[in-house]
Amino acid sequence: MGGSGRGGAVADLKLKWKQNVKGKMFVDQSCIACDACVLTAPSNFKMDENEGHAYVFKQPETPEEEAQCREAMEGCPVEAIGDFGDKEPS
């Protein structure tokens, strides 16, 4: 199971990239650098060209950014984007 509809595999908070800014949205180490999130939500995601993965450089602040980040998360082919980074223990 898994692989579609967020029912199976989901992003792993323990494997999130260190470049992610603090907050609820994050990218984990299963990212394959496909660029989909960067194209969908360019105000929030960037690509680390050296390490070959995306990361959240700015948490969404407007309803439009929230919608774009949700679309990026739902469109991620490897489900590497999570929206529960604020649950991380400090």
N, C-alpha and C. Protein backbone atom coordinates (compact mmCIF):
# COMPACT_ATOMS: atom_id res chain seq x y z
N MET A 1 0.83 -1.19 0.00
CA MET A 1 0.00 0.00 0.00
C MET A 1 0.87 1.24 0.00
N GLY A 2 0.19 2.39 0.02
CA GLY A 2 0.92 3.64 0.04
C GLY A 2 1.21 4.11 -1.37
N GLY A 3 1.90 5.24 -1.44
CA GLY A 3 2.28 5.76 -2.72
C GLY A 3 1.27 6.72 -3.32
N SER A 4 0.04 6.70 -2.84
CA SER A 4 -0.93 7.66 -3.36
C SER A 4 -1.93 8.04 -2.28
N GLY A 5 -2.43 9.24 -2.41
CA GLY A 5 -3.46 9.68 -1.50
C GLY A 5 -3.00 9.92 -0.07
N ARG A 6 -1.75 9.99 0.19
CA ARG A 6 -1.17 10.23 1.51
C ARG A 6 -1.55 9.16 2.51
N GLY A 7 -2.08 8.03 2.03
CA GLY A 7 -2.52 6.99 2.94
C GLY A 7 -1.40 6.11 3.43
N GLY A 8 -0.32 6.00 2.68
CA GLY A 8 0.78 5.12 3.06
C GLY A 8 1.96 5.92 3.55
N ALA A 9 2.99 5.99 2.72
CA ALA A 9 4.21 6.70 3.07
C ALA A 9 3.94 8.20 3.21
N VAL A 10 4.54 8.79 4.20
CA VAL A 10 4.48 10.23 4.36
C VAL A 10 5.89 10.71 4.74
N ALA A 11 6.09 12.02 4.61
CA ALA A 11 7.39 12.57 4.95
C ALA A 11 7.75 12.23 6.40
N ASP A 12 9.02 12.04 6.64
CA ASP A 12 9.51 11.64 7.96
C ASP A 12 10.21 12.83 8.63
N LEU A 13 9.62 13.30 9.71
CA LEU A 13 10.16 14.45 10.44
C LEU A 13 11.58 14.20 10.92
N LYS A 14 11.90 12.94 11.26
CA LYS A 14 13.25 12.62 11.74
C LYS A 14 14.29 12.72 10.62
N LEU A 15 13.83 12.71 9.36
CA LEU A 15 14.74 12.75 8.22
C LEU A 15 14.67 14.07 7.45
N LYS A 16 14.13 15.11 8.08
CA LYS A 16 14.03 16.38 7.35
C LYS A 16 15.41 17.00 7.15
N TRP A 17 15.57 17.70 6.03
CA TRP A 17 16.84 18.35 5.72
C TRP A 17 17.08 19.52 6.66
N LYS A 18 18.34 19.74 7.02
CA LYS A 18 18.69 20.82 7.95
C LYS A 18 18.43 22.20 7.37
N GLN A 19 18.35 22.32 6.05
CA GLN A 19 18.12 23.62 5.41
C GLN A 19 16.68 24.12 5.60
N ASN A 20 15.75 23.24 5.92
CA ASN A 20 14.36 23.68 6.13
C ASN A 20 14.30 24.70 7.24
N VAL A 21 13.57 25.80 7.01
CA VAL A 21 13.36 26.77 8.07
C VAL A 21 12.36 26.17 9.07
N LYS A 22 12.44 26.63 10.29
CA LYS A 22 11.56 26.13 11.34
C LYS A 22 10.10 26.44 11.00
N GLY A 23 9.25 25.48 11.25
CA GLY A 23 7.82 25.65 10.99
C GLY A 23 7.19 24.36 10.53
N LYS A 24 5.92 24.45 10.10
CA LYS A 24 5.20 23.21 9.82
C LYS A 24 5.58 22.54 8.51
N MET A 25 5.91 23.28 7.47
CA MET A 25 6.26 22.67 6.18
C MET A 25 7.73 22.26 6.18
N PHE A 26 8.03 21.08 5.62
CA PHE A 26 9.41 20.62 5.53
C PHE A 26 9.56 19.60 4.41
N VAL A 27 10.80 19.39 3.98
CA VAL A 27 11.14 18.37 2.98
C VAL A 27 12.08 17.38 3.66
N ASP A 28 11.84 16.09 3.46
CA ASP A 28 12.71 15.08 4.06
C ASP A 28 13.69 14.50 3.04
N GLN A 29 14.50 13.55 3.49
CA GLN A 29 15.60 13.04 2.69
C GLN A 29 15.17 12.08 1.59
N SER A 30 13.88 11.84 1.42
CA SER A 30 13.44 11.03 0.29
C SER A 30 13.27 11.85 -0.99
N CYS A 31 13.50 13.16 -0.89
CA CYS A 31 13.39 14.06 -2.05
C CYS A 31 14.32 13.60 -3.18
N ILE A 32 13.78 13.61 -4.41
CA ILE A 32 14.55 13.19 -5.58
C ILE A 32 14.92 14.38 -6.48
N ALA A 33 14.75 15.60 -5.98
CA ALA A 33 15.12 16.82 -6.71
C ALA A 33 14.41 16.94 -8.05
N CYS A 34 13.13 16.61 -8.09
CA CYS A 34 12.39 16.68 -9.36
C CYS A 34 11.99 18.10 -9.71
N ASP A 35 12.07 19.02 -8.75
CA ASP A 35 11.78 20.45 -8.96
C ASP A 35 10.29 20.78 -8.94
N ALA A 36 9.42 19.79 -8.77
CA ALA A 36 7.98 20.05 -8.81
C ALA A 36 7.55 21.07 -7.75
N CYS A 37 8.03 20.92 -6.53
CA CYS A 37 7.62 21.85 -5.46
C CYS A 37 8.14 23.26 -5.71
N VAL A 38 9.35 23.36 -6.24
CA VAL A 38 9.95 24.67 -6.54
C VAL A 38 9.13 25.38 -7.61
N LEU A 39 8.65 24.63 -8.60
CA LEU A 39 7.84 25.21 -9.67
C LEU A 39 6.43 25.55 -9.18
N THR A 40 5.90 24.75 -8.27
CA THR A 40 4.54 24.95 -7.76
C THR A 40 4.47 26.06 -6.72
N ALA A 41 5.46 26.12 -5.84
CA ALA A 41 5.46 27.10 -4.74
C ALA A 41 6.84 27.77 -4.63
N PRO A 42 7.20 28.57 -5.64
CA PRO A 42 8.53 29.17 -5.67
C PRO A 42 8.82 30.17 -4.54
N SER A 43 7.78 30.65 -3.89
CA SER A 43 7.97 31.58 -2.77
C SER A 43 8.37 30.86 -1.49
N ASN A 44 8.29 29.52 -1.51
CA ASN A 44 8.53 28.76 -0.29
C ASN A 44 9.57 27.65 -0.40
N PHE A 45 9.75 27.11 -1.60
CA PHE A 45 10.71 26.01 -1.80
C PHE A 45 11.87 26.45 -2.68
N LYS A 46 13.06 25.97 -2.34
CA LYS A 46 14.25 26.17 -3.16
C LYS A 46 14.93 24.82 -3.34
N MET A 47 15.80 24.75 -4.34
CA MET A 47 16.57 23.55 -4.60
C MET A 47 18.00 23.77 -4.13
N ASP A 48 18.53 22.82 -3.39
CA ASP A 48 19.95 22.83 -3.02
C ASP A 48 20.66 22.10 -4.15
N GLU A 49 21.27 22.85 -5.05
CA GLU A 49 21.90 22.26 -6.23
C GLU A 49 23.11 21.40 -5.86
N ASN A 50 23.81 21.76 -4.78
CA ASN A 50 25.00 21.00 -4.37
C ASN A 50 24.63 19.62 -3.80
N GLU A 51 23.61 19.59 -2.96
CA GLU A 51 23.22 18.33 -2.32
C GLU A 51 22.12 17.59 -3.08
N GLY A 52 21.48 18.27 -4.04
CA GLY A 52 20.48 17.61 -4.87
C GLY A 52 19.16 17.32 -4.18
N HIS A 53 18.58 18.32 -3.53
CA HIS A 53 17.26 18.16 -2.92
C HIS A 53 16.62 19.52 -2.71
N ALA A 54 15.31 19.51 -2.56
CA ALA A 54 14.57 20.73 -2.27
C ALA A 54 14.49 20.93 -0.76
N TYR A 55 14.14 22.15 -0.36
CA TYR A 55 13.92 22.45 1.06
C TYR A 55 13.00 23.67 1.16
N VAL A 56 12.41 23.85 2.33
CA VAL A 56 11.55 25.00 2.58
C VAL A 56 12.43 26.14 3.10
N PHE A 57 12.49 27.23 2.33
CA PHE A 57 13.30 28.36 2.77
C PHE A 57 12.44 29.44 3.42
N LYS A 58 11.12 29.34 3.25
CA LYS A 58 10.19 30.31 3.86
C LYS A 58 8.86 29.60 4.09
N GLN A 59 8.40 29.65 5.31
CA GLN A 59 7.10 29.05 5.63
C GLN A 59 5.99 29.89 4.98
N PRO A 60 4.89 29.25 4.57
CA PRO A 60 3.79 30.00 3.95
C PRO A 60 3.18 31.00 4.94
N GLU A 61 2.91 32.20 4.42
CA GLU A 61 2.37 33.27 5.28
C GLU A 61 1.01 33.77 4.81
N THR A 62 0.63 33.47 3.59
CA THR A 62 -0.64 33.95 3.05
C THR A 62 -1.49 32.75 2.63
N PRO A 63 -2.78 32.96 2.46
CA PRO A 63 -3.62 31.85 1.97
C PRO A 63 -3.14 31.32 0.61
N GLU A 64 -2.65 32.20 -0.26
CA GLU A 64 -2.15 31.76 -1.56
C GLU A 64 -0.92 30.87 -1.40
N GLU A 65 0.01 31.27 -0.52
CA GLU A 65 1.20 30.44 -0.27
C GLU A 65 0.82 29.12 0.36
N GLU A 66 -0.15 29.14 1.28
CA GLU A 66 -0.64 27.90 1.91
C GLU A 66 -1.17 26.95 0.84
N ALA A 67 -1.96 27.49 -0.09
CA ALA A 67 -2.55 26.67 -1.15
C ALA A 67 -1.47 26.11 -2.07
N GLN A 68 -0.47 26.93 -2.40
CA GLN A 68 0.61 26.46 -3.26
C GLN A 68 1.43 25.38 -2.57
N CYS A 69 1.70 25.54 -1.29
CA CYS A 69 2.46 24.54 -0.54
C CYS A 69 1.67 23.24 -0.42
N ARG A 70 0.37 23.33 -0.21
CA ARG A 70 -0.48 22.13 -0.14
C ARG A 70 -0.47 21.41 -1.50
N GLU A 71 -0.54 22.20 -2.59
CA GLU A 71 -0.50 21.61 -3.94
C GLU A 71 0.85 20.94 -4.18
N ALA A 72 1.94 21.58 -3.72
CA ALA A 72 3.27 20.99 -3.87
C ALA A 72 3.37 19.68 -3.09
N MET A 73 2.84 19.68 -1.88
CA MET A 73 2.88 18.48 -1.04
C MET A 73 2.09 17.34 -1.70
N GLU A 74 0.89 17.65 -2.19
CA GLU A 74 0.05 16.63 -2.82
C GLU A 74 0.63 16.14 -4.14
N GLY A 75 1.41 16.99 -4.81
CA GLY A 75 1.98 16.62 -6.10
C GLY A 75 3.36 15.99 -6.03
N CYS A 76 3.93 15.91 -4.83
CA CYS A 76 5.28 15.35 -4.69
C CYS A 76 5.24 13.85 -5.01
N PRO A 77 6.02 13.43 -6.03
CA PRO A 77 5.95 12.02 -6.44
C PRO A 77 6.49 11.02 -5.42
N VAL A 78 7.30 11.48 -4.47
CA VAL A 78 7.85 10.56 -3.47
C VAL A 78 7.38 10.90 -2.05
N GLU A 79 6.41 11.80 -1.95
CA GLU A 79 5.83 12.20 -0.66
C GLU A 79 6.90 12.64 0.33
N ALA A 80 7.81 13.49 -0.15
CA ALA A 80 8.91 13.98 0.69
C ALA A 80 8.58 15.26 1.42
N ILE A 81 7.38 15.82 1.20
CA ILE A 81 6.99 17.08 1.83
C ILE A 81 6.00 16.79 2.94
N GLY A 82 6.26 17.36 4.11
CA GLY A 82 5.37 17.20 5.24
C GLY A 82 4.83 18.55 5.70
N ASP A 83 3.72 18.51 6.41
CA ASP A 83 3.12 19.74 6.92
C ASP A 83 2.90 19.68 8.44
N PHE A 84 3.77 18.91 9.09
CA PHE A 84 3.64 18.78 10.55
C PHE A 84 4.99 19.01 11.23
N GLY A 85 5.84 19.83 10.63
CA GLY A 85 7.14 20.14 11.21
C GLY A 85 7.06 20.86 12.54
N ASP A 86 5.91 21.50 12.79
CA ASP A 86 5.72 22.19 14.06
C ASP A 86 5.53 21.19 15.21
N LYS A 87 5.41 19.91 14.90
CA LYS A 87 5.28 18.87 15.93
C LYS A 87 6.63 18.35 16.41
N GLU A 88 7.70 18.86 15.80
CA GLU A 88 9.04 18.41 16.16
C GLU A 88 9.38 18.81 17.60
N PRO A 89 9.89 17.88 18.37
CA PRO A 89 10.29 18.24 19.74
C PRO A 89 11.45 19.24 19.72
N SER A 90 11.41 20.20 20.63
CA SER A 90 12.49 21.20 20.62
C SER A 90 13.75 20.73 21.29
